[in-house]
PDB file of N, CA and C in Angstrom:
ATOM      1  N   ALA A   1     107.315 105.606  71.329  1.00  0.00           N
ATOM      2  CA  ALA A   1     107.521 106.746  70.769  1.00  0.00           C
ATOM      3  C   ALA A   1     108.057 107.735  71.858  1.00  0.00           C
ATOM      4  N   LEU A   2     107.724 107.673  72.732  1.00  0.00           N
ATOM      5  CA  LEU A   2     107.760 108.690  74.022  1.00  0.00           C
ATOM      6  C   LEU A   2     109.421 108.437  74.324  1.00  0.00           C
ATOM      7  N   ASP A   3     110.141 107.009  74.440  1.00  0.00           N
ATOM      8  CA  ASP A   3     111.221 106.843  74.686  1.00  0.00           C
ATOM      9  C   ASP A   3     112.467 107.542  73.411  1.00  0.00           C
ATOM     10  N   VAL A   4     111.706 107.357  72.194  1.00  0.00           N
ATOM     11  CA  VAL A   4     112.616 107.965  71.100  1.00  0.00           C
ATOM     12  C   VAL A   4     112.765 109.245  71.181  1.00  0.00           C
ATOM     13  N   LEU A   5     111.789 110.001  71.505  1.00  0.00           N
ATOM     14  CA  LEU A   5     111.575 111.261  71.558  1.00  0.00           C
ATOM     15  C   LEU A   5     112.515 111.991  72.823  1.00  0.00           C
ATOM     16  N   TRP A   6     112.303 111.173  73.900  1.00  0.00           N
ATOM     17  CA  TRP A   6     113.428 111.626  75.164  1.00  0.00           C
ATOM     18  C   TRP A   6     114.835 111.424  74.527  1.00  0.00           C
ATOM     19  N   ASN A   7     115.228 110.059  74.150  1.00  0.00           N
ATOM     20  CA  ASN A   7     116.387 109.974  73.595  1.00  0.00           C
ATOM     21  C   ASN A   7     116.853 111.323  72.454  1.00  0.00           C
ATOM     22  N   LEU A   8     115.902 111.468  71.667  1.00  0.00           N
ATOM     23  CA  LEU A   8     116.547 112.749  70.763  1.00  0.00           C
ATOM     24  C   LEU A   8     116.712 114.162  71.594  1.00  0.00           C
ATOM     25  N   THR A   9     116.236 114.106  72.608  1.00  0.00           N
ATOM     26  CA  THR A   9     116.422 115.591  73.414  1.00  0.00           C
ATOM     27  C   THR A   9     117.735 115.585  74.163  1.00  0.00           C
ATOM     28  N   PHE A  10     118.595 114.758  73.850  1.00  0.00           N
ATOM     29  CA  PHE A  10     119.985 114.832  74.523  1.00  0.00           C
ATOM     30  C   PHE A  10     120.860 115.336  73.393  1.00  0.00           C
ATOM     31  N   GLU A  11     120.387 115.570  71.841  1.00  0.00           N
ATOM     32  CA  GLU A  11     120.861 115.979  70.944  1.00  0.00           C
ATOM     33  C   GLU A  11     120.592 117.461  70.552  1.00  0.00           C
ATOM     34  N   ASP A  12     121.898 118.278  70.400  1.00  0.00           N
ATOM     35  CA  ASP A  12     121.321 119.870  70.379  1.00  0.00           C
ATOM     36  C   ASP A  12     120.559 119.946  69.034  1.00  0.00           C
ATOM     37  N   GLU A  13     121.014 119.259  67.678  1.00  0.00           N
ATOM     38  CA  GLU A  13     120.042 119.174  66.421  1.00  0.00           C
ATOM     39  C   GLU A  13     118.966 119.018  66.766  1.00  0.00           C
ATOM     40  N   ALA A  14     118.574 117.974  67.207  1.00  0.00           N
ATOM     41  CA  ALA A  14     117.065 117.583  67.668  1.00  0.00           C
ATOM     42  C   ALA A  14     116.307 118.498  68.465  1.00  0.00           C
ATOM     43  N   LEU A  15     117.232 118.788  69.441  1.00  0.00           N
ATOM     44  CA  LEU A  15     116.306 119.860  70.395  1.00  0.00           C
ATOM     45  C   LEU A  15     116.065 121.190  69.635  1.00  0.00           C
ATOM     46  N   ASP A  16     116.693 121.511  69.009  1.00  0.00           N
ATOM     47  CA  ASP A  16     116.587 122.951  67.890  1.00  0.00           C
ATOM     48  C   ASP A  16     115.420 122.723  66.926  1.00  0.00           C
ATOM     49  N   ALA A  17     115.483 121.497  66.215  1.00  0.00           N
ATOM     50  CA  ALA A  17     114.354 120.898  65.470  1.00  0.00           C
ATOM     51  C   ALA A  17     113.091 120.722  66.245  1.00  0.00           C
ATOM     52  N   ALA A  18     112.909 120.303  67.453  1.00  0.00           N
ATOM     53  CA  ALA A  18     111.800 120.412  68.063  1.00  0.00           C
ATOM     54  C   ALA A  18     111.198 121.792  68.494  1.00  0.00           C
ATOM     55  N   ALA A  19     112.156 122.460  68.823  1.00  0.00           N
ATOM     56  CA  ALA A  19     111.927 123.890  69.329  1.00  0.00           C
ATOM     57  C   ALA A  19     110.945 124.656  67.910  1.00  0.00           C
ATOM     58  N   GLU A  20     111.246 124.100  66.931  1.00  0.00           N
ATOM     59  CA  GLU A  20     111.368 125.039  65.927  1.00  0.00           C
ATOM     60  C   GLU A  20     109.749 124.539  65.349  1.00  0.00           C
ATOM     61  N   ILE A  21     109.488 123.210  65.647  1.00  0.00           N
ATOM     62  CA  ILE A  21     107.990 122.471  65.304  1.00  0.00           C
ATOM     63  C   ILE A  21     107.107 122.766  66.406  1.00  0.00           C
ATOM     64  N   GLY A  22     107.411 123.394  67.228  1.00  0.00           N
ATOM     65  CA  GLY A  22     106.510 123.975  68.448  1.00  0.00           C
ATOM     66  C   GLY A  22     106.259 122.476  69.656  1.00  0.00           C
ATOM     67  N   ILE A  23     107.500 121.913  69.877  1.00  0.00           N
ATOM     68  CA  ILE A  23     107.617 120.743  70.795  1.00  0.00           C
ATOM     69  C   ILE A  23     106.725 120.846  72.010  1.00  0.00           C
ATOM     70  N   PHE A  24     106.928 122.445  72.520  1.00  0.00           N
ATOM     71  CA  PHE A  24     106.167 122.842  73.731  1.00  0.00           C
ATOM     72  C   PHE A  24     104.540 122.660  73.960  1.00  0.00           C
ATOM     73  N   GLU A  25     104.032 123.268  72.823  1.00  0.00           N
ATOM     74  CA  GLU A  25     102.785 123.402  73.012  1.00  0.00           C
ATOM     75  C   GLU A  25     102.041 121.956  72.507  1.00  0.00           C
ATOM     76  N   CYS A  26     102.824 120.706  71.996  1.00  0.00           N
ATOM     77  CA  CYS A  26     102.496 119.564  71.590  1.00  0.00           C
ATOM     78  C   CYS A  26     102.514 118.699  72.993  1.00  0.00           C
ATOM     79  N   ILE A  27     103.821 118.924  73.799  1.00  0.00           N
ATOM     80  CA  ILE A  27     103.771 118.106  75.058  1.00  0.00           C
ATOM     81  C   ILE A  27     102.662 118.528  76.037  1.00  0.00           C
ATOM     82  N   ALA A  28     102.410 119.990  76.000  1.00  0.00           N
ATOM     83  CA  ALA A  28     101.256 120.616  76.857  1.00  0.00           C
ATOM     84  C   ALA A  28      99.734 119.739  76.252  1.00  0.00           C
ATOM     85  N   GLU A  29      99.630 119.637  75.026  1.00  0.00           N
ATOM     86  CA  GLU A  29      98.298 119.087  74.471  1.00  0.00           C
ATOM     87  C   GLU A  29      98.403 117.690  74.815  1.00  0.00           C
ATOM     88  N   LEU A  30      99.577 116.668  74.774  1.00  0.00           N
ATOM     89  CA  LEU A  30      99.488 115.538  75.546  1.00  0.00           C
ATOM     90  C   LEU A  30      99.344 115.323  76.643  1.00  0.00           C
ATOM     91  N   MET A  31      99.893 116.349  77.416  1.00  0.00           N
ATOM     92  CA  MET A  31      99.624 116.366  79.062  1.00  0.00           C
ATOM     93  C   MET A  31      98.081 116.492  79.324  1.00  0.00           C
ATOM     94  N   ARG A  32      97.461 117.473  78.697  1.00  0.00           N
ATOM     95  CA  ARG A  32      96.057 117.693  78.835  1.00  0.00           C
ATOM     96  C   ARG A  32      95.229 116.609  78.288  1.00  0.00           C
ATOM     97  N   LEU A  33      95.631 115.979  77.329  1.00  0.00           N
ATOM     98  CA  LEU A  33      94.717 114.837  76.913  1.00  0.00           C
ATOM     99  C   LEU A  33      94.974 113.483  77.754  1.00  0.00           C
ATOM    100  N   HIS A  34      95.967 113.195  78.223  1.00  0.00           N
ATOM    101  CA  HIS A  34      96.117 111.931  79.300  1.00  0.00           C
ATOM    102  C   HIS A  34      96.544 112.331  80.614  1.00  0.00           C
ATOM    103  N   ARG A  35      95.767 113.236  81.163  1.00  0.00           N
ATOM    104  CA  ARG A  35      95.715 113.498  82.420  1.00  0.00           C
ATOM    105  C   ARG A  35      95.797 112.312  83.279  1.00  0.00           C
ATOM    106  N   SER A  36      95.126 111.331  82.986  1.00  0.00           N
ATOM    107  CA  SER A  36      94.846 110.210  83.910  1.00  0.00           C
ATOM    108  C   SER A  36      96.120 109.051  83.749  1.00  0.00           C
ATOM    109  N   GLU A  37      97.053 109.655  82.976  1.00  0.00           N
ATOM    110  CA  GLU A  37      98.209 108.116  82.522  1.00  0.00           C
ATOM    111  C   GLU A  37      99.656 108.560  83.293  1.00  0.00           C
ATOM    112  N   ALA A  38      99.901 108.276  84.401  1.00  0.00           N
ATOM    113  CA  ALA A  38     100.833 108.741  85.253  1.00  0.00           C
ATOM    114  C   ALA A  38     102.355 108.709  84.462  1.00  0.00           C
ATOM    115  N   ALA A  39     102.386 107.461  83.814  1.00  0.00           N
ATOM    116  CA  ALA A  39     103.491 107.140  82.993  1.00  0.00           C
ATOM    117  C   ALA A  39     103.831 108.035  82.064  1.00  0.00           C
ATOM    118  N   LEU A  40     102.844 108.073  81.124  1.00  0.00           N
ATOM    119  CA  LEU A  40     103.169 109.156  79.977  1.00  0.00           C
ATOM    120  C   LEU A  40     103.277 110.449  80.685  1.00  0.00           C
ATOM    121  N   LEU A  41     102.758 110.816  81.608  1.00  0.00           N
ATOM    122  CA  LEU A  41     102.894 112.208  82.174  1.00  0.00           C
ATOM    123  C   LEU A  41     104.480 112.252  82.765  1.00  0.00           C
ATOM    124  N   GLY A  42     104.961 111.321  83.448  1.00  0.00           N
ATOM    125  CA  GLY A  42     106.551 111.182  83.524  1.00  0.00           C
ATOM    126  C   GLY A  42     107.244 111.121  82.588  1.00  0.00           C
ATOM    127  N   GLY A  43     107.074 110.547  81.460  1.00  0.00           N
ATOM    128  CA  GLY A  43     108.016 110.584  80.313  1.00  0.00           C
ATOM    129  C   GLY A  43     107.719 111.953  79.895  1.00  0.00           C
ATOM    130  N   MET A  44     106.755 112.707  79.785  1.00  0.00           N
ATOM    131  CA  MET A  44     106.712 114.083  79.338  1.00  0.00           C
ATOM    132  C   MET A  44     107.638 115.084  80.096  1.00  0.00           C
ATOM    133  N   CYS A  45     107.585 114.971  81.235  1.00  0.00           N
ATOM    134  CA  CYS A  45     108.510 115.546  82.399  1.00  0.00           C
ATOM    135  C   CYS A  45     109.745 114.933  82.026  1.00  0.00           C
ATOM    136  N   ALA A  46     110.057 114.089  81.730  1.00  0.00           N
ATOM    137  CA  ALA A  46     111.615 113.721  81.472  1.00  0.00           C
ATOM    138  C   ALA A  46     111.900 114.512  80.368  1.00  0.00           C
ATOM    139  N   ILE A  47     111.338 114.726  79.369  1.00  0.00           N
ATOM    140  CA  ILE A  47     111.577 115.454  78.201  1.00  0.00           C
ATOM    141  C   ILE A  47     111.699 117.010  78.615  1.00  0.00           C
ATOM    142  N   LEU A  48     110.895 117.407  79.218  1.00  0.00           N
ATOM    143  CA  LEU A  48     110.790 118.768  79.696  1.00  0.00           C
ATOM    144  C   LEU A  48     112.071 119.066  80.531  1.00  0.00           C
ATOM    145  N   VAL A  49     112.665 118.053  81.187  1.00  0.00           N
ATOM    146  CA  VAL A  49     113.778 118.136  82.053  1.00  0.00           C
ATOM    147  C   VAL A  49     115.022 118.473  80.836  1.00  0.00           C
ATOM    148  N   ASN A  50     115.058 117.665  79.723  1.00  0.00           N
ATOM    149  CA  ASN A  50     115.970 117.962  78.889  1.00  0.00           C
ATOM    150  C   ASN A  50     115.720 119.005  78.108  1.00  0.00           C
ATOM    151  N   LEU A  51     114.637 119.417  77.947  1.00  0.00           N
ATOM    152  CA  LEU A  51     114.436 120.965  77.199  1.00  0.00           C
ATOM    153  C   LEU A  51     114.943 121.982  77.956  1.00  0.00           C
ATOM    154  N   ALA A  52     114.510 122.038  79.089  1.00  0.00           N
ATOM    155  CA  ALA A  52     114.851 123.053  80.138  1.00  0.00           C
ATOM    156  C   ALA A  52     116.107 123.424  80.418  1.00  0.00           C
ATOM    157  N   ALA A  53     117.135 122.457  80.272  1.00  0.00           N
ATOM    158  CA  ALA A  53     118.563 122.395  80.332  1.00  0.00           C
ATOM    159  C   ALA A  53     119.089 123.676  79.088  1.00  0.00           C
ATOM    160  N   ARG A  54     118.365 124.230  78.268  1.00  0.00           N
ATOM    161  CA  ARG A  54     118.459 125.067  77.237  1.00  0.00           C
ATOM    162  C   ARG A  54     117.963 126.473  77.640  1.00  0.00           C
ATOM    163  N   GLU A  55     118.709 127.246  77.926  1.00  0.00           N
ATOM    164  CA  GLU A  55     118.219 128.654  78.411  1.00  0.00           C
ATOM    165  C   GLU A  55     117.049 129.069  77.478  1.00  0.00           C
ATOM    166  N   ARG A  56     117.116 129.131  76.135  1.00  0.00           N
ATOM    167  CA  ARG A  56     116.169 129.623  75.464  1.00  0.00           C
ATOM    168  C   ARG A  56     114.716 128.775  75.422  1.00  0.00           C
ATOM    169  N   ASN A  57     115.059 127.683  75.779  1.00  0.00           N
ATOM    170  CA  ASN A  57     113.499 126.704  76.103  1.00  0.00           C
ATOM    171  C   ASN A  57     112.784 126.814  77.260  1.00  0.00           C
ATOM    172  N   ARG A  58     113.485 127.679  78.295  1.00  0.00           N
ATOM    173  CA  ARG A  58     112.868 127.837  79.494  1.00  0.00           C
ATOM    174  C   ARG A  58     111.594 128.665  79.381  1.00  0.00           C
ATOM    175  N   TRP A  59     111.500 129.673  78.845  1.00  0.00           N
ATOM    176  CA  TRP A  59     110.384 130.603  78.927  1.00  0.00           C
ATOM    177  C   TRP A  59     109.324 129.679  78.011  1.00  0.00           C
ATOM    178  N   LYS A  60     109.779 129.428  76.849  1.00  0.00           N
ATOM    179  CA  LYS A  60     108.774 128.520  75.862  1.00  0.00           C
ATOM    180  C   LYS A  60     108.043 127.377  76.812  1.00  0.00           C
ATOM    181  N   ILE A  61     108.481 126.682  77.782  1.00  0.00           N
ATOM    182  CA  ILE A  61     108.173 125.866  78.796  1.00  0.00           C
ATOM    183  C   ILE A  61     107.374 126.226  79.570  1.00  0.00           C
ATOM    184  N   VAL A  62     107.325 127.533  79.999  1.00  0.00           N
ATOM    185  CA  VAL A  62     106.516 128.384  80.849  1.00  0.00           C
ATOM    186  C   VAL A  62     105.288 128.563  80.356  1.00  0.00           C
ATOM    187  N   GLU A  63     105.468 129.421  78.942  1.00  0.00           N
ATOM    188  CA  GLU A  63     104.587 129.946  78.316  1.00  0.00           C
ATOM    189  C   GLU A  63     103.486 129.008  77.465  1.00  0.00           C
ATOM    190  N   SER A  64     104.067 127.819  77.424  1.00  0.00           N
ATOM    191  CA  SER A  64     103.172 126.749  76.841  1.00  0.00           C
ATOM    192  C   SER A  64     102.060 126.111  77.786  1.00  0.00           C
ATOM    193  N   GLY A  65     102.392 126.555  79.094  1.00  0.00           N
ATOM    194  CA  GLY A  65     101.647 125.694  80.186  1.00  0.00           C
ATOM    195  C   GLY A  65     101.955 124.605  80.935  1.00  0.00           C
ATOM    196  N   CYS A  66     103.009 124.132  80.307  1.00  0.00           N
ATOM    197  CA  CYS A  66     103.694 123.026  81.054  1.00  0.00           C
ATOM    198  C   CYS A  66     103.851 122.652  82.365  1.00  0.00           C
ATOM    199  N   VAL A  67     104.211 124.073  82.997  1.00  0.00           N
ATOM    200  CA  VAL A  67     104.477 123.908  84.161  1.00  0.00           C
ATOM    201  C   VAL A  67     103.225 123.582  85.267  1.00  0.00           C
ATOM    202  N   GLY A  68     102.239 124.597  85.107  1.00  0.00           N
ATOM    203  CA  GLY A  68     101.231 124.105  85.621  1.00  0.00           C
ATOM    204  C   GLY A  68     100.454 122.670  85.350  1.00  0.00           C
ATOM    205  N   LEU A  69     100.865 121.970  84.075  1.00  0.00           N
ATOM    206  CA  LEU A  69     100.316 121.028  83.990  1.00  0.00           C
ATOM    207  C   LEU A  69     101.228 119.955  84.829  1.00  0.00           C
ATOM    208  N   THR A  70     102.338 120.244  84.923  1.00  0.00           N
ATOM    209  CA  THR A  70     103.194 119.251  85.367  1.00  0.00           C
ATOM    210  C   THR A  70     102.911 119.448  86.887  1.00  0.00           C
ATOM    211  N   ALA A  71     102.838 120.396  87.532  1.00  0.00           N
ATOM    212  CA  ALA A  71     102.342 120.457  88.927  1.00  0.00           C
ATOM    213  C   ALA A  71     100.844 119.583  89.109  1.00  0.00           C
ATOM    214  N   SER A  72      99.988 120.065  88.215  1.00  0.00           N
ATOM    215  CA  SER A  72      98.613 119.197  88.181  1.00  0.00           C
ATOM    216  C   SER A  72      98.646 117.968  88.378  1.00  0.00           C
ATOM    217  N   ALA A  73      99.837 117.404  87.448  1.00  0.00           N
ATOM    218  CA  ALA A  73     100.056 116.004  87.141  1.00  0.00           C
ATOM    219  C   ALA A  73     100.644 115.299  88.551  1.00  0.00           C
ATOM    220  N   MET A  74     101.648 115.968  89.307  1.00  0.00           N
ATOM    221  CA  MET A  74     102.120 115.600  90.501  1.00  0.00           C
ATOM    222  C   MET A  74     101.145 115.605  91.477  1.00  0.00           C
ATOM    223  N   GLN A  75     100.197 116.428  91.511  1.00  0.00           N
ATOM    224  CA  GLN A  75      99.198 116.433  92.596  1.00  0.00           C
ATOM    225  C   GLN A  75      97.943 115.302  92.339  1.00  0.00           C
ATOM    226  N   LYS A  76      97.870 115.232  91.141  1.00  0.00           N
ATOM    227  CA  LYS A  76      96.665 114.072  90.720  1.00  0.00           C
ATOM    228  C   LYS A  76      97.637 112.659  90.923  1.00  0.00           C
ATOM    229  N   HIS A  77      98.676 112.367  91.021  1.00  0.00           N
ATOM    230  CA  HIS A  77      99.461 111.261  90.864  1.00  0.00           C
ATOM    231  C   HIS A  77     100.405 111.131  91.922  1.00  0.00           C
ATOM    232  N   PRO A  78     100.387 111.444  93.217  1.00  0.00           N
ATOM    233  CA  PRO A  78     101.320 111.190  94.064  1.00  0.00           C
ATOM    234  C   PRO A  78     102.053 110.037  94.276  1.00  0.00           C
ATOM    235  N   GLU A  79     101.458 108.997  93.993  1.00  0.00           N
ATOM    236  CA  GLU A  79     101.721 107.817  94.301  1.00  0.00           C
ATOM    237  C   GLU A  79     102.498 107.224  93.086  1.00  0.00           C
ATOM    238  N   ASN A  80     102.881 108.022  92.386  1.00  0.00           N
ATOM    239  CA  ASN A  80     103.884 107.360  90.940  1.00  0.00           C
ATOM    240  C   ASN A  80     105.236 108.068  91.214  1.00  0.00           C
ATOM    241  N   GLU A  81     106.199 107.325  91.812  1.00  0.00           N
ATOM    242  CA  GLU A  81     107.494 107.797  92.158  1.00  0.00           C
ATOM    243  C   GLU A  81     108.249 108.418  91.094  1.00  0.00           C
ATOM    244  N   GLU A  82     107.967 107.675  89.673  1.00  0.00           N
ATOM    245  CA  GLU A  82     108.735 108.437  88.302  1.00  0.00           C
ATOM    246  C   GLU A  82     108.419 109.708  88.218  1.00  0.00           C
ATOM    247  N   LEU A  83     106.976 109.897  88.141  1.00  0.00           N
ATOM    248  CA  LEU A  83     106.324 111.304  87.823  1.00  0.00           C
ATOM    249  C   LEU A  83     106.846 112.115  89.080  1.00  0.00           C
ATOM    250  N   MET A  84     106.797 111.884  90.177  1.00  0.00           N
ATOM    251  CA  MET A  84     107.142 112.938  91.500  1.00  0.00           C
ATOM    252  C   MET A  84     108.525 113.133  90.950  1.00  0.00           C
ATOM    253  N   GLU A  85     109.583 112.246  90.754  1.00  0.00           N
ATOM    254  CA  GLU A  85     110.917 112.530  90.525  1.00  0.00           C
ATOM    255  C   GLU A  85     111.013 113.587  89.383  1.00  0.00           C
ATOM    256  N   LEU A  86     110.630 112.966  88.295  1.00  0.00           N
ATOM    257  CA  LEU A  86     110.693 113.995  87.163  1.00  0.00           C
ATOM    258  C   LEU A  86     110.160 115.090  87.122  1.00  0.00           C
ATOM    259  N   GLY A  87     108.867 115.133  87.491  1.00  0.00           N
ATOM    260  CA  GLY A  87     108.241 116.468  87.770  1.00  0.00           C
ATOM    261  C   GLY A  87     108.904 117.281  88.501  1.00  0.00           C
ATOM    262  N   SER A  88     109.562 116.939  89.687  1.00  0.00           N
ATOM    263  CA  SER A  88     110.229 117.716  90.386  1.00  0.00           C
ATOM    264  C   SER A  88     111.447 118.268  89.715  1.00  0.00           C
ATOM    265  N   GLN A  89     112.203 117.384  89.026  1.00  0.00           N
ATOM    266  CA  GLN A  89     113.458 117.799  88.649  1.00  0.00           C
ATOM    267  C   GLN A  89     112.897 118.853  87.555  1.00  0.00           C
ATOM    268  N   ALA A  90     111.965 118.833  86.817  1.00  0.00           N
ATOM    269  CA  ALA A  90     111.620 119.849  86.009  1.00  0.00           C
ATOM    270  C   ALA A  90     111.147 120.913  86.567  1.00  0.00           C
ATOM    271  N   LEU A  91     110.546 121.097  87.459  1.00  0.00           N
ATOM    272  CA  LEU A  91     110.321 122.183  88.231  1.00  0.00           C
ATOM    273  C   LEU A  91     111.357 123.019  88.720  1.00  0.00           C
ATOM    274  N   TYR A  92     112.242 121.986  89.041  1.00  0.00           N
ATOM    275  CA  TYR A  92     113.615 122.571  89.900  1.00  0.00           C
ATOM    276  C   TYR A  92     114.413 123.638  88.998  1.00  0.00           C
ATOM    277  N   MET A  93     114.462 122.671  87.507  1.00  0.00           N
ATOM    278  CA  MET A  93     115.372 123.244  86.485  1.00  0.00           C
ATOM    279  C   MET A  93     114.738 124.744  86.175  1.00  0.00           C
ATOM    280  N   LEU A  94     113.695 124.946  86.142  1.00  0.00           N
ATOM    281  CA  LEU A  94     112.913 126.147  85.867  1.00  0.00           C
ATOM    282  C   LEU A  94     113.150 126.953  87.011  1.00  0.00           C
ATOM    283  N   ALA A  95     112.747 126.763  88.386  1.00  0.00           N
ATOM    284  CA  ALA A  95     112.574 127.627  89.444  1.00  0.00           C
ATOM    285  C   ALA A  95     114.050 128.090  89.656  1.00  0.00           C
ATOM    286  N   HIS A  96     115.048 127.550  89.595  1.00  0.00           N
ATOM    287  CA  HIS A  96     116.519 127.915  89.958  1.00  0.00           C
ATOM    288  C   HIS A  96     116.637 129.127  89.300  1.00  0.00           C
ATOM    289  N   HIS A  97     115.912 129.584  88.245  1.00  0.00           N
ATOM    290  CA  HIS A  97     116.261 130.807  87.512  1.00  0.00           C
ATOM    291  C   HIS A  97     115.465 131.887  88.205  1.00  0.00           C
ATOM    292  N   GLN A  98     115.769 132.957  88.824  1.00  0.00           N
ATOM    293  CA  GLN A  98     114.947 133.938  89.550  1.00  0.00           C
ATOM    294  C   GLN A  98     113.906 134.771  88.599  1.00  0.00           C
ATOM    295  N   ASP A  99     114.470 134.621  87.409  1.00  0.00           N
ATOM    296  CA  ASP A  99     113.333 135.476  86.530  1.00  0.00           C
ATOM    297  C   ASP A  99     112.110 134.392  86.100  1.00  0.00           C
ATOM    298  N   LEU A 100     112.210 133.288  86.568  1.00  0.00           N
ATOM    299  CA  LEU A 100     111.203 132.203  86.187  1.00  0.00           C
ATOM    300  C   LEU A 100     110.515 131.985  87.588  1.00  0.00           C
ATOM    301  N   LYS A 101     111.023 131.839  88.625  1.00  0.00           N
ATOM    302  CA  LYS A 101     110.471 131.543  89.836  1.00  0.00           C
ATOM    303  C   LYS A 101     109.311 132.011  90.042  1.00  0.00           C
ATOM    304  N   PRO A 102     108.745 132.970  89.967  1.00  0.00           N
ATOM    305  CA  PRO A 102     107.480 133.433  90.162  1.00  0.00           C
ATOM    306  C   PRO A 102     106.295 132.785  89.566  1.00  0.00           C
ATOM    307  N   PHE A 103     106.754 132.411  88.215  1.00  0.00           N
ATOM    308  CA  PHE A 103     105.667 131.657  87.377  1.00  0.00           C
ATOM    309  C   PHE A 103     105.649 130.554  87.569  1.00  0.00           C
ATOM    310  N   ILE A 104     106.872 129.757  88.164  1.00  0.00           N
ATOM    311  CA  ILE A 104     106.889 128.385  88.743  1.00  0.00           C
ATOM    312  C   ILE A 104     105.714 128.344  89.965  1.00  0.00           C
ATOM    313  N   LEU A 105     105.935 129.402  90.806  1.00  0.00           N
ATOM    314  CA  LEU A 105     105.010 129.318  92.160  1.00  0.00           C
ATOM    315  C   LEU A 105     103.552 129.892  91.746  1.00  0.00           C
ATOM    316  N   ALA A 106     103.458 130.522  90.772  1.00  0.00           N
ATOM    317  CA  ALA A 106     102.062 130.868  90.157  1.00  0.00           C
ATOM    318  C   ALA A 106     101.364 129.728  89.734  1.00  0.00           C
ATOM    319  N   ALA A 107     102.027 128.835  89.049  1.00  0.00           N
ATOM    320  CA  ALA A 107     101.431 127.606  88.459  1.00  0.00           C
ATOM    321  C   ALA A 107     101.368 126.479  89.439  1.00  0.00           C
ATOM    322  N   HIS A 108     101.455 126.684  90.719  1.00  0.00           N
ATOM    323  CA  HIS A 108     101.449 126.059  92.066  1.00  0.00           C
ATOM    324  C   HIS A 108     102.568 124.743  91.750  1.00  0.00           C
ATOM    325  N   GLY A 109     103.870 125.349  91.634  1.00  0.00           N
ATOM    326  CA  GLY A 109     104.862 124.354  91.201  1.00  0.00           C
ATOM    327  C   GLY A 109     105.345 123.905  92.740  1.00  0.00           C
ATOM    328  N   GLY A 110     105.381 124.939  93.698  1.00  0.00           N
ATOM    329  CA  GLY A 110     105.691 125.019  95.049  1.00  0.00           C
ATOM    330  C   GLY A 110     104.990 123.815  95.727  1.00  0.00           C
ATOM    331  N   GLU A 111     103.542 123.659  95.378  1.00  0.00           N
ATOM    332  CA  GLU A 111     102.693 123.042  96.156  1.00  0.00           C
ATOM    333  C   GLU A 111     103.190 121.697  95.761  1.00  0.00           C
ATOM    334  N   ALA A 112     103.353 121.205  94.393  1.00  0.00           N
ATOM    335  CA  ALA A 112     103.705 120.172  93.910  1.00  0.00           C
ATOM    336  C   ALA A 112     105.108 119.518  94.429  1.00  0.00           C
ATOM    337  N   ALA A 113     106.092 120.533  94.892  1.00  0.00           N
ATOM    338  CA  ALA A 113     107.438 120.189  95.173  1.00  0.00           C
ATOM    339  C   ALA A 113     107.159 119.818  96.658  1.00  0.00           C
ATOM    340  N   LYS A 114     106.439 120.418  97.462  1.00  0.00           N
ATOM    341  CA  LYS A 114     106.218 120.081  98.687  1.00  0.00           C
ATOM    342  C   LYS A 114     105.482 118.693  98.955  1.00  0.00           C
ATOM    343  N   LEU A 115     104.606 118.306  98.204  1.00  0.00           N
ATOM    344  CA  LEU A 115     104.138 117.029  98.055  1.00  0.00           C
ATOM    345  C   LEU A 115     104.838 115.919  97.762  1.00  0.00           C
ATOM    346  N   ALA A 116     106.027 116.383  96.536  1.00  0.00           N
ATOM    347  CA  ALA A 116     107.179 115.364  96.388  1.00  0.00           C
ATOM    348  C   ALA A 116     107.760 115.247  97.579  1.00  0.00           C
ATOM    349  N   ALA A 117     108.283 116.467  98.363  1.00  0.00           N
ATOM    350  CA  ALA A 117     109.096 116.048  99.291  1.00  0.00           C
ATOM    351  C   ALA A 117     108.541 115.134 100.538  1.00  0.00           C
ATOM    352  N   ALA A 118     107.193 115.240 100.351  1.00  0.00           N
ATOM    353  CA  ALA A 118     106.561 114.579 101.594  1.00  0.00           C
ATOM    354  C   ALA A 118     106.324 112.936 101.308  1.00  0.00           C
ATOM    355  N   CYS A 119     106.504 112.727 100.156  1.00  0.00           N
ATOM    356  CA  CYS A 119     106.264 111.323  99.823  1.00  0.00           C
ATOM    357  C   CYS A 119     107.060 110.433 100.386  1.00  0.00           C
ATOM    358  N   PRO A 120     106.785 109.162 100.583  1.00  0.00           N
ATOM    359  CA  PRO A 120     107.520 108.038 101.480  1.00  0.00           C
ATOM    360  C   PRO A 120     108.387 107.627 100.360  1.00  0.00           C
ATOM    361  N   GLN A 121     109.825 107.629 100.719  1.00  0.00           N
ATOM    362  CA  GLN A 121     110.886 107.067 100.144  1.00  0.00           C
ATOM    363  C   GLN A 121     110.798 105.693  99.714  1.00  0.00           C
ATOM    364  N   ARG A 122     110.407 105.172  98.630  1.00  0.00           N
ATOM    365  CA  ARG A 122     110.588 103.695  98.302  1.00  0.00           C
ATOM    366  C   ARG A 122     111.540 103.426  97.370  1.00  0.00           C
ATOM    367  N   GLY A 123     112.763 104.197  97.482  1.00  0.00           N
ATOM    368  CA  GLY A 123     113.753 103.822  96.293  1.00  0.00           C
ATOM    369  C   GLY A 123     114.034 105.108  95.214  1.00  0.00           C
ATOM    370  N   GLY A 124     112.865 106.093  95.436  1.00  0.00           N
ATOM    371  CA  GLY A 124     113.169 107.039  94.307  1.00  0.00           C
ATOM    372  C   GLY A 124     113.867 107.928  94.843  1.00  0.00           C
ATOM    373  N   ASN A 125     114.128 109.289  94.061  1.00  0.00           N
ATOM    374  CA  ASN A 125     114.588 110.561  94.664  1.00  0.00           C
ATOM    375  C   ASN A 125     113.789 111.722  94.549  1.00  0.00           C
ATOM    376  N   ALA A 126     112.549 111.509  94.657  1.00  0.00           N
ATOM    377  CA  ALA A 126     111.816 112.622  94.649  1.00  0.00           C
ATOM    378  C   ALA A 126     111.954 113.557  95.349  1.00  0.00           C
ATOM    379  N   GLN A 127     112.083 113.114  96.647  1.00  0.00           N
ATOM    380  CA  GLN A 127     112.430 114.252  97.605  1.00  0.00           C
ATOM    381  C   GLN A 127     113.764 114.851  97.617  1.00  0.00           C
ATOM    382  N   ARG A 128     114.852 114.591  96.769  1.00  0.00           N
ATOM    383  CA  ARG A 128     115.829 115.250  96.560  1.00  0.00           C
ATOM    384  C   ARG A 128     115.727 116.323  95.771  1.00  0.00           C
ATOM    385  N   TRP A 129     114.787 116.572  94.999  1.00  0.00           N
ATOM    386  CA  TRP A 129     114.611 117.619  94.039  1.00  0.00           C
ATOM    387  C   TRP A 129     113.737 118.867  94.782  1.00  0.00           C
TER     388      TRP A 129
END
């Protein structure tokens, strides 16, 4: 089901519909409920990357608590390269915007990014982000 949702986030109409039904809060709740499941958290970060591509979604991601949950997931599961890479991408997509950067830093996004950068490279690209 997560893969289907991720695929739908490539479609503008699906993104709009997801935003209308509160996808940000749903993602945050799933991340809270499944803190110990690194693969699921990585999938949630992949969806956040796609959602963050649209300007109007960025503040909603921050306001929903997904930034802190992403940083926390990365700190809890540094061994999961996919989570580290996708989490880093999501944080980068948001922190790239100066108005959001202080919120990303306050949610410990900087610490998570440093952790990802320090991960041994085993074929992933977490360090790149």
